[in-house]
Amino acid sequence: MEFIRGIDMIKEDFELPDRLITARFNTFFTKSAHRWYIKLRQAHGHQSRTWWKPQLINKWANDSWRFKVEKAFESAKLNSDKDKAFPWFCQQKDRLTELYPDMSEFMIQWKIIRQCGGDLEHAVKSRTNEQS
């Protein structure tokens, strides 16, 4: 999960102790994630970042989460009348990066272009070399 990798990088880059990182969890999480965090925090008290890491993975990086993200990616087709292209593209890229962290930039872009459909997909395909 991108969130966990981000927390790990913050710890490494700033050499922050676990206590400082876990103290920020209360503000990092919102909505249902915040309710989940409060419930676990009350039940287990203060815990280290290494204790929270598997809790986060078990809760948010499971098959149900993966299915939901895949469905969101597949159902989000670019609609030029209602969507702005850049935010739509970034959201789709984030979804693919979360699902497949090792996927190449080329494959990410190609999968997103295929979600555009219609004239845009045809225009891009006719101007690119699929072997590159």
Protein backbone atom coordinates (compact mmCIF):
# COMPACT_ATOMS: atom_id res chain seq x y z
CA MET A 1 0.00 0.00 0.00
CA GLU A 2 1.21 3.45 -0.89
CA PHE A 3 0.30 4.81 2.55
CA ILE A 4 2.50 2.27 4.34
CA ARG A 5 5.41 2.84 1.96
CA GLY A 6 5.03 6.58 2.57
CA ILE A 7 5.14 6.11 6.35
CA ASP A 8 8.23 3.88 6.01
CA MET A 9 9.98 6.52 3.87
CA ILE A 10 9.13 9.31 6.34
CA LYS A 11 10.61 7.24 9.16
CA GLU A 12 13.76 6.55 7.15
CA ASP A 13 14.23 10.04 5.68
CA PHE A 14 13.64 11.98 8.89
CA GLU A 15 14.84 9.27 11.30
CA LEU A 16 11.67 9.75 13.31
CA PRO A 17 10.95 7.52 16.27
CA ASP A 18 7.87 5.28 16.10
CA ARG A 19 6.17 7.30 18.84
CA LEU A 20 6.10 10.45 16.69
CA ILE A 21 4.79 8.60 13.65
CA THR A 22 2.03 6.71 15.46
CA ALA A 23 1.01 9.88 17.29
CA ARG A 24 0.07 11.36 13.90
CA PHE A 25 -2.20 8.45 12.94
CA ASN A 26 -5.13 10.20 14.62
CA THR A 27 -4.88 13.00 12.04
CA PHE A 28 -3.79 10.84 9.07
CA PHE A 29 -6.97 8.77 9.00
CA THR A 30 -10.39 10.10 8.04
CA LYS A 31 -13.95 8.78 7.98
CA SER A 32 -14.21 4.99 8.34
CA ALA A 33 -10.42 4.60 8.62
CA HIS A 34 -10.43 7.04 11.55
CA ARG A 35 -13.23 5.15 13.30
CA TRP A 36 -11.34 1.89 12.75
CA TYR A 37 -8.13 3.43 14.14
CA ILE A 38 -9.87 4.82 17.26
CA LYS A 39 -11.50 1.46 17.97
CA LEU A 40 -8.19 -0.43 17.72
CA ARG A 41 -6.29 2.25 19.64
CA GLN A 42 -8.79 2.06 22.50
CA ALA A 43 -8.69 -1.73 22.54
CA HIS A 44 -4.89 -2.13 22.37
CA GLY A 45 -3.50 1.15 23.69
CA HIS A 46 -0.37 2.78 22.31
CA GLN A 47 1.45 0.45 19.92
CA SER A 48 4.55 0.78 17.74
CA ARG A 49 4.53 1.43 14.02
CA THR A 50 5.64 -2.17 13.46
CA TRP A 51 2.50 -3.35 15.29
CA TRP A 52 0.26 -1.06 13.22
CA LYS A 53 1.76 -2.08 9.86
CA PRO A 54 0.19 -5.58 9.72
CA GLN A 55 -3.06 -4.17 11.13
CA LEU A 56 -3.24 -1.72 8.23
CA ILE A 57 -2.37 -4.39 5.68
CA ASN A 58 -4.97 -6.80 7.08
CA LYS A 59 -7.67 -4.13 7.10
CA TRP A 60 -7.03 -2.23 3.89
CA ALA A 61 -4.81 -4.32 1.58
CA ASN A 62 -6.93 -7.45 1.40
CA ASP A 63 -8.83 -9.17 -1.42
CA SER A 64 -11.94 -7.10 -0.78
CA TRP A 65 -9.95 -3.87 -1.07
CA ARG A 66 -8.20 -5.12 -4.22
CA PHE A 67 -11.55 -6.08 -5.78
CA LYS A 68 -13.01 -2.66 -4.98
CA VAL A 69 -10.02 -0.82 -6.50
CA GLU A 70 -10.05 -3.03 -9.62
CA LYS A 71 -13.79 -2.44 -10.10
CA ALA A 72 -13.32 1.31 -9.63
CA PHE A 73 -10.56 1.31 -12.27
CA GLU A 74 -12.57 -0.75 -14.74
CA SER A 75 -15.76 1.26 -14.35
CA ALA A 76 -14.11 4.69 -14.60
CA LYS A 77 -14.26 5.57 -18.28
CA LEU A 78 -13.16 9.03 -19.35
CA ASN A 79 -16.18 11.16 -20.16
CA SER A 80 -14.98 14.42 -21.70
CA ASP A 81 -18.30 16.10 -20.89
CA LYS A 82 -18.06 15.59 -17.14
CA ASP A 83 -14.44 14.61 -16.33
CA LYS A 84 -11.33 16.73 -16.41
CA ALA A 85 -8.67 14.58 -18.07
CA PHE A 86 -5.73 15.23 -15.74
CA PRO A 87 -7.45 14.45 -12.39
CA TRP A 88 -9.12 11.40 -13.96
CA PHE A 89 -5.77 10.17 -15.32
CA CYS A 90 -4.03 10.71 -11.95
CA GLN A 91 -6.74 8.83 -10.08
CA GLN A 92 -6.52 5.92 -12.51
CA LYS A 93 -2.72 5.92 -12.26
CA ASP A 94 -2.93 5.85 -8.45
CA ARG A 95 -5.31 2.88 -8.61
CA LEU A 96 -3.00 0.89 -10.87
CA THR A 97 0.08 1.78 -8.82
CA GLU A 98 -1.65 0.57 -5.66
CA LEU A 99 -2.71 -2.68 -7.30
CA TYR A 100 0.50 -3.34 -9.22
CA PRO A 101 3.46 -1.46 -7.66
CA ASP A 102 5.96 -3.05 -10.07
CA MET A 103 4.04 -2.28 -13.26
CA SER A 104 6.04 -0.25 -15.79
CA GLU A 105 5.04 3.32 -16.63
CA PHE A 106 4.38 2.22 -20.21
CA MET A 107 1.90 -0.47 -19.11
CA ILE A 108 0.19 1.91 -16.67
CA GLN A 109 -0.27 4.50 -19.40
CA TRP A 110 -1.43 1.90 -21.91
CA LYS A 111 -4.05 0.48 -19.53
CA ILE A 112 -5.32 3.98 -18.80
CA ILE A 113 -5.51 4.87 -22.49
CA ARG A 114 -7.59 1.73 -23.05
CA GLN A 115 -10.05 3.10 -20.46
CA CYS A 116 -10.59 6.20 -22.59
CA GLY A 117 -12.22 4.35 -25.46
CA GLY A 118 -13.59 5.87 -28.61
CA ASP A 119 -11.73 8.47 -30.64
CA LEU A 120 -9.03 9.16 -28.05
CA GLU A 121 -8.00 5.52 -27.75
CA HIS A 122 -7.96 5.15 -31.55
CA ALA A 123 -5.91 8.35 -31.98
CA VAL A 124 -3.28 7.24 -29.47
CA LYS A 125 -3.07 3.68 -30.83
CA SER A 126 -2.65 4.89 -34.39
CA ARG A 127 0.23 7.18 -33.38
CA THR A 128 2.21 4.82 -31.14
CA ASN A 129 4.40 1.84 -31.75
CA GLU A 130 3.08 -1.00 -29.56
CA GLN A 131 6.52 -2.66 -29.56
CA SER A 132 8.28 0.30 -27.87
